[in-house]
Structures are given as structure tokens and as C-alpha cells.
PDB file of N, CA and C in Angstrom:
ATOM      1  N   MET A   1       0.836  -1.166   0.000  1.00  0.00           N
ATOM      2  CA  MET A   1      -0.003   0.005   0.009  1.00  0.00           C
ATOM      3  C   MET A   1       0.885   1.245  -0.001  1.00  0.00           C
ATOM      4  N   ARG A   2       0.551   2.203  -0.818  1.00  0.00           N
ATOM      5  CA  ARG A   2       1.321   3.416  -0.870  1.00  0.00           C
ATOM      6  C   ARG A   2       0.521   4.580  -0.315  1.00  0.00           C
ATOM      7  N   PHE A   3       1.212   5.552   0.227  1.00  0.00           N
ATOM      8  CA  PHE A   3       0.587   6.712   0.769  1.00  0.00           C
ATOM      9  C   PHE A   3       1.199   7.949   0.096  1.00  0.00           C
ATOM     10  N   GLY A   4       0.403   8.961  -0.062  1.00  0.00           N
ATOM     11  CA  GLY A   4       0.970  10.198  -0.602  1.00  0.00           C
ATOM     12  C   GLY A   4      -0.080  10.998  -1.348  1.00  0.00           C
ATOM     13  N   THR A   5       0.358  12.101  -1.855  1.00  0.00           N
ATOM     14  CA  THR A   5      -0.495  12.972  -2.633  1.00  0.00           C
ATOM     15  C   THR A   5       0.249  13.503  -3.831  1.00  0.00           C
ATOM     16  N   ASP A   6      -0.488  13.966  -4.790  1.00  0.00           N
ATOM     17  CA  ASP A   6       0.051  14.637  -5.971  1.00  0.00           C
ATOM     18  C   ASP A   6      -0.968  15.745  -6.276  1.00  0.00           C
ATOM     19  N   SER A   7      -0.653  16.573  -7.219  1.00  0.00           N
ATOM     20  CA  SER A   7      -1.582  17.674  -7.556  1.00  0.00           C
ATOM     21  C   SER A   7      -1.668  17.859  -9.057  1.00  0.00           C
ATOM     22  N   THR A   8      -2.776  18.427  -9.457  1.00  0.00           N
ATOM     23  CA  THR A   8      -3.011  18.739 -10.862  1.00  0.00           C
ATOM     24  C   THR A   8      -3.929  19.955 -10.931  1.00  0.00           C
ATOM     25  N   THR A   9      -3.991  20.576 -12.065  1.00  0.00           N
ATOM     26  CA  THR A   9      -4.877  21.703 -12.246  1.00  0.00           C
ATOM     27  C   THR A   9      -6.089  21.246 -13.081  1.00  0.00           C
ATOM     28  N   ILE A  10      -7.290  21.592 -12.582  1.00  0.00           N
ATOM     29  CA  ILE A  10      -8.513  21.267 -13.308  1.00  0.00           C
ATOM     30  C   ILE A  10      -9.284  22.545 -13.543  1.00  0.00           C
ATOM     31  N   ASP A  11     -10.198  22.486 -14.539  1.00  0.00           N
ATOM     32  CA  ASP A  11     -11.095  23.601 -14.820  1.00  0.00           C
ATOM     33  C   ASP A  11     -12.478  23.287 -14.291  1.00  0.00           C
ATOM     34  N   CYS A  12     -13.080  24.222 -13.593  1.00  0.00           N
ATOM     35  CA  CYS A  12     -14.401  24.067 -13.069  1.00  0.00           C
ATOM     36  C   CYS A  12     -15.399  23.905 -14.242  1.00  0.00           C
ATOM     37  N   PRO A  13     -16.279  22.901 -14.210  1.00  0.00           N
ATOM     38  CA  PRO A  13     -17.247  22.743 -15.291  1.00  0.00           C
ATOM     39  C   PRO A  13     -18.359  23.777 -15.271  1.00  0.00           C
ATOM     40  N   TYR A  14     -18.450  24.549 -14.218  1.00  0.00           N
ATOM     41  CA  TYR A  14     -19.464  25.594 -14.079  1.00  0.00           C
ATOM     42  C   TYR A  14     -18.945  26.953 -14.523  1.00  0.00           C
ATOM     43  N   CYS A  15     -17.898  27.433 -13.856  1.00  0.00           N
ATOM     44  CA  CYS A  15     -17.429  28.787 -14.116  1.00  0.00           C
ATOM     45  C   CYS A  15     -16.189  28.836 -15.035  1.00  0.00           C
ATOM     46  N   GLY A  16     -15.531  27.668 -15.240  1.00  0.00           N
ATOM     47  CA  GLY A  16     -14.399  27.636 -16.135  1.00  0.00           C
ATOM     48  C   GLY A  16     -13.056  28.017 -15.528  1.00  0.00           C
ATOM     49  N   GLU A  17     -13.069  28.445 -14.266  1.00  0.00           N
ATOM     50  CA  GLU A  17     -11.826  28.856 -13.590  1.00  0.00           C
ATOM     51  C   GLU A  17     -10.962  27.617 -13.298  1.00  0.00           C
ATOM     52  N   ALA A  18      -9.664  27.802 -13.456  1.00  0.00           N
ATOM     53  CA  ALA A  18      -8.729  26.713 -13.165  1.00  0.00           C
ATOM     54  C   ALA A  18      -8.273  26.835 -11.716  1.00  0.00           C
ATOM     55  N   PHE A  19      -8.119  25.677 -11.057  1.00  0.00           N
ATOM     56  CA  PHE A  19      -7.579  25.652  -9.689  1.00  0.00           C
ATOM     57  C   PHE A  19      -6.858  24.330  -9.463  1.00  0.00           C
ATOM     58  N   GLU A  20      -6.017  24.359  -8.486  1.00  0.00           N
ATOM     59  CA  GLU A  20      -5.209  23.184  -8.160  1.00  0.00           C
ATOM     60  C   GLU A  20      -5.998  22.193  -7.304  1.00  0.00           C
ATOM     61  N   LEU A  21      -5.889  20.933  -7.668  1.00  0.00           N
ATOM     62  CA  LEU A  21      -6.599  19.862  -6.945  1.00  0.00           C
ATOM     63  C   LEU A  21      -5.523  18.927  -6.428  1.00  0.00           C
ATOM     64  N   VAL A  22      -5.599  18.554  -5.133  1.00  0.00           N
ATOM     65  CA  VAL A  22      -4.662  17.624  -4.547  1.00  0.00           C
ATOM     66  C   VAL A  22      -5.301  16.230  -4.637  1.00  0.00           C
ATOM     67  N   ILE A  23      -4.540  15.277  -5.157  1.00  0.00           N
ATOM     68  CA  ILE A  23      -4.992  13.913  -5.373  1.00  0.00           C
ATOM     69  C   ILE A  23      -4.357  12.978  -4.360  1.00  0.00           C
ATOM     70  N   ASP A  24      -5.196  12.174  -3.708  1.00  0.00           N
ATOM     71  CA  ASP A  24      -4.709  11.117  -2.796  1.00  0.00           C
ATOM     72  C   ASP A  24      -4.256   9.950  -3.676  1.00  0.00           C
ATOM     73  N   THR A  25      -2.971   9.662  -3.677  1.00  0.00           N
ATOM     74  CA  THR A  25      -2.419   8.608  -4.528  1.00  0.00           C
ATOM     75  C   THR A  25      -2.457   7.231  -3.874  1.00  0.00           C
ATOM     76  N   GLY A  26      -3.129   7.106  -2.754  1.00  0.00           N
ATOM     77  CA  GLY A  26      -3.230   5.820  -2.053  1.00  0.00           C
ATOM     78  C   GLY A  26      -4.289   4.918  -2.604  1.00  0.00           C
ATOM     79  N   GLU A  27      -5.197   5.423  -3.427  1.00  0.00           N
ATOM     80  CA  GLU A  27      -6.290   4.650  -4.005  1.00  0.00           C
ATOM     81  C   GLU A  27      -6.182   4.667  -5.534  1.00  0.00           C
ATOM     82  N   ASN A  28      -6.442   3.560  -6.169  1.00  0.00           N
ATOM     83  CA  ASN A  28      -6.352   3.473  -7.644  1.00  0.00           C
ATOM     84  C   ASN A  28      -7.555   4.080  -8.350  1.00  0.00           C
ATOM     85  N   GLU A  29      -8.730   4.070  -7.718  1.00  0.00           N
ATOM     86  CA  GLU A  29      -9.904   4.618  -8.319  1.00  0.00           C
ATOM     87  C   GLU A  29     -10.732   5.363  -7.262  1.00  0.00           C
ATOM     88  N   GLN A  30     -11.127   6.573  -7.538  1.00  0.00           N
ATOM     89  CA  GLN A  30     -11.816   7.388  -6.569  1.00  0.00           C
ATOM     90  C   GLN A  30     -12.922   8.181  -7.274  1.00  0.00           C
ATOM     91  N   GLN A  31     -14.000   8.415  -6.562  1.00  0.00           N
ATOM     92  CA  GLN A  31     -15.049   9.327  -7.009  1.00  0.00           C
ATOM     93  C   GLN A  31     -15.523  10.093  -5.787  1.00  0.00           C
ATOM     94  N   TYR A  32     -15.573  11.402  -5.932  1.00  0.00           N
ATOM     95  CA  TYR A  32     -16.000  12.239  -4.823  1.00  0.00           C
ATOM     96  C   TYR A  32     -16.444  13.603  -5.340  1.00  0.00           C
ATOM     97  N   ILE A  33     -17.053  14.357  -4.435  1.00  0.00           N
ATOM     98  CA  ILE A  33     -17.548  15.693  -4.732  1.00  0.00           C
ATOM     99  C   ILE A  33     -16.631  16.707  -4.018  1.00  0.00           C
ATOM    100  N   GLU A  34     -16.236  17.723  -4.763  1.00  0.00           N
ATOM    101  CA  GLU A  34     -15.457  18.806  -4.142  1.00  0.00           C
ATOM    102  C   GLU A  34     -16.001  20.118  -4.709  1.00  0.00           C
ATOM    103  N   ASP A  35     -16.181  21.086  -3.846  1.00  0.00           N
ATOM    104  CA  ASP A  35     -16.675  22.390  -4.287  1.00  0.00           C
ATOM    105  C   ASP A  35     -15.628  23.185  -5.003  1.00  0.00           C
ATOM    106  N   CYS A  36     -16.005  23.932  -6.020  1.00  0.00           N
ATOM    107  CA  CYS A  36     -15.097  24.828  -6.737  1.00  0.00           C
ATOM    108  C   CYS A  36     -14.662  25.902  -5.760  1.00  0.00           C
ATOM    109  N   TYR A  37     -13.398  26.219  -5.769  1.00  0.00           N
ATOM    110  CA  TYR A  37     -12.856  27.259  -4.878  1.00  0.00           C
ATOM    111  C   TYR A  37     -13.258  28.641  -5.298  1.00  0.00           C
ATOM    112  N   VAL A  38     -13.762  28.799  -6.538  1.00  0.00           N
ATOM    113  CA  VAL A  38     -14.120  30.118  -7.049  1.00  0.00           C
ATOM    114  C   VAL A  38     -15.642  30.355  -6.935  1.00  0.00           C
ATOM    115  N   CYS A  39     -16.472  29.490  -7.532  1.00  0.00           N
ATOM    116  CA  CYS A  39     -17.897  29.672  -7.534  1.00  0.00           C
ATOM    117  C   CYS A  39     -18.671  28.843  -6.494  1.00  0.00           C
ATOM    118  N   CYS A  40     -17.956  27.974  -5.813  1.00  0.00           N
ATOM    119  CA  CYS A  40     -18.486  27.107  -4.705  1.00  0.00           C
ATOM    120  C   CYS A  40     -19.543  26.091  -5.159  1.00  0.00           C
ATOM    121  N   ARG A  41     -19.638  25.783  -6.440  1.00  0.00           N
ATOM    122  CA  ARG A  41     -20.581  24.775  -6.914  1.00  0.00           C
ATOM    123  C   ARG A  41     -19.916  23.398  -6.801  1.00  0.00           C
ATOM    124  N   PRO A  42     -20.740  22.347  -6.604  1.00  0.00           N
ATOM    125  CA  PRO A  42     -20.195  20.970  -6.427  1.00  0.00           C
ATOM    126  C   PRO A  42     -19.710  20.343  -7.715  1.00  0.00           C
ATOM    127  N   ILE A  43     -18.498  19.897  -7.734  1.00  0.00           N
ATOM    128  CA  ILE A  43     -17.882  19.244  -8.901  1.00  0.00           C
ATOM    129  C   ILE A  43     -17.736  17.764  -8.574  1.00  0.00           C
ATOM    130  N   HIS A  44     -18.263  16.916  -9.476  1.00  0.00           N
ATOM    131  CA  HIS A  44     -18.113  15.459  -9.326  1.00  0.00           C
ATOM    132  C   HIS A  44     -16.782  15.094  -9.956  1.00  0.00           C
ATOM    133  N   LEU A  45     -15.895  14.544  -9.151  1.00  0.00           N
ATOM    134  CA  LEU A  45     -14.536  14.163  -9.604  1.00  0.00           C
ATOM    135  C   LEU A  45     -14.407  12.668  -9.691  1.00  0.00           C
ATOM    136  N   SER A  46     -13.853  12.188 -10.801  1.00  0.00           N
ATOM    137  CA  SER A  46     -13.487  10.781 -10.968  1.00  0.00           C
ATOM    138  C   SER A  46     -11.999  10.741 -11.218  1.00  0.00           C
ATOM    139  N   VAL A  47     -11.288   9.914 -10.412  1.00  0.00           N
ATOM    140  CA  VAL A  47      -9.829   9.862 -10.480  1.00  0.00           C
ATOM    141  C   VAL A  47      -9.418   8.399 -10.658  1.00  0.00           C
ATOM    142  N   TRP A  48      -8.541   8.173 -11.630  1.00  0.00           N
ATOM    143  CA  TRP A  48      -7.969   6.846 -11.865  1.00  0.00           C
ATOM    144  C   TRP A  48      -6.438   6.962 -11.823  1.00  0.00           C
ATOM    145  N   LEU A  49      -5.834   6.011 -11.140  1.00  0.00           N
ATOM    146  CA  LEU A  49      -4.367   5.983 -11.071  1.00  0.00           C
ATOM    147  C   LEU A  49      -3.852   4.678 -11.688  1.00  0.00           C
ATOM    148  N   ASP A  50      -2.767   4.793 -12.469  1.00  0.00           N
ATOM    149  CA  ASP A  50      -2.103   3.644 -13.024  1.00  0.00           C
ATOM    150  C   ASP A  50      -0.621   3.862 -12.825  1.00  0.00           C
ATOM    151  N   GLY A  51      -0.080   3.285 -11.749  1.00  0.00           N
ATOM    152  CA  GLY A  51       1.346   3.574 -11.372  1.00  0.00           C
ATOM    153  C   GLY A  51       1.444   4.995 -10.928  1.00  0.00           C
ATOM    154  N   ASP A  52       2.294   5.768 -11.584  1.00  0.00           N
ATOM    155  CA  ASP A  52       2.474   7.172 -11.221  1.00  0.00           C
ATOM    156  C   ASP A  52       1.692   8.116 -12.102  1.00  0.00           C
ATOM    157  N   VAL A  53       0.858   7.573 -13.011  1.00  0.00           N
ATOM    158  CA  VAL A  53       0.060   8.353 -13.926  1.00  0.00           C
ATOM    159  C   VAL A  53      -1.379   8.389 -13.458  1.00  0.00           C
ATOM    160  N   PHE A  54      -1.996   9.568 -13.414  1.00  0.00           N
ATOM    161  CA  PHE A  54      -3.399   9.607 -13.032  1.00  0.00           C
ATOM    162  C   PHE A  54      -4.175  10.429 -14.014  1.00  0.00           C
ATOM    163  N   GLU A  55      -5.498  10.141 -14.048  1.00  0.00           N
ATOM    164  CA  GLU A  55      -6.428  10.881 -14.915  1.00  0.00           C
ATOM    165  C   GLU A  55      -7.542  11.422 -14.031  1.00  0.00           C
ATOM    166  N   VAL A  56      -7.930  12.646 -14.256  1.00  0.00           N
ATOM    167  CA  VAL A  56      -9.004  13.263 -13.462  1.00  0.00           C
ATOM    168  C   VAL A  56     -10.053  13.788 -14.448  1.00  0.00           C
ATOM    169  N   ILE A  57     -11.305  13.437 -14.192  1.00  0.00           N
ATOM    170  CA  ILE A  57     -12.435  13.967 -14.930  1.00  0.00           C
ATOM    171  C   ILE A  57     -13.273  14.805 -13.985  1.00  0.00           C
ATOM    172  N   ALA A  58     -13.486  16.059 -14.289  1.00  0.00           N
ATOM    173  CA  ALA A  58     -14.337  16.941 -13.489  1.00  0.00           C
ATOM    174  C   ALA A  58     -15.623  17.188 -14.233  1.00  0.00           C
ATOM    175  N   ARG A  59     -16.766  16.840 -13.589  1.00  0.00           N
ATOM    176  CA  ARG A  59     -18.031  16.934 -14.285  1.00  0.00           C
ATOM    177  C   ARG A  59     -19.072  17.758 -13.484  1.00  0.00           C
ATOM    178  N   HIS A  60     -19.963  18.362 -14.215  1.00  0.00           N
ATOM    179  CA  HIS A  60     -21.123  19.057 -13.664  1.00  0.00           C
ATOM    180  C   HIS A  60     -22.004  18.010 -12.968  1.00  0.00           C
ATOM    181  N   GLU A  61     -22.631  18.348 -11.863  1.00  0.00           N
ATOM    182  CA  GLU A  61     -23.411  17.341 -11.157  1.00  0.00           C
ATOM    183  C   GLU A  61     -24.561  16.743 -11.984  1.00  0.00           C
ATOM    184  N   ASN A  62     -25.063  17.450 -12.965  1.00  0.00           N
ATOM    185  CA  ASN A  62     -26.130  16.947 -13.830  1.00  0.00           C
ATOM    186  C   ASN A  62     -25.637  16.007 -14.897  1.00  0.00           C
ATOM    187  N   ASP A  63     -24.310  15.908 -15.097  1.00  0.00           N
ATOM    188  CA  ASP A  63     -23.724  15.033 -16.103  1.00  0.00           C
ATOM    189  C   ASP A  63     -23.383  13.664 -15.534  1.00  0.00           C
ATOM    190  N   CYS A  64     -23.614  13.447 -14.264  1.00  0.00           N
ATOM    191  CA  CYS A  64     -23.258  12.182 -13.594  1.00  0.00           C
ATOM    192  C   CYS A  64     -24.355  11.143 -13.737  1.00  0.00           C
TER     193      CYS A  64
END
């Protein structure tokens, strides 16, 4: 089991503003809700990790 974090920049699907997102690298697949730091709307995040490479999809709550 590995522990740690990494970060990436995502764009809010509501307001379009970019902000930094910290990723927990201890899980291979994650889904959670995080509010946009700019407009405070809920963003549905899906995160997949494969080794040291990760993919993040940020979606509007109505797209889930």
C-alpha cells in the first residue's frame, strides 16, 4: 500500500476557472464531490491511477 499525494490543475465545469486539486495517490480509483474554490458549486470528480500516472475527470453534477 502506498501513501501520498500529488496535484493537478482542473477547470471548473461551471465557471471555467482553473484551480489546483490535490490527489490522494493511495487509491487506484476514486469518485467524490469537491466544491469549486471560485464559484462554490459541487464538482463530481473521478480519479484513476495507473502507477504514477493519473487521470481526473471533473463533471457538472447533472452530467453524472
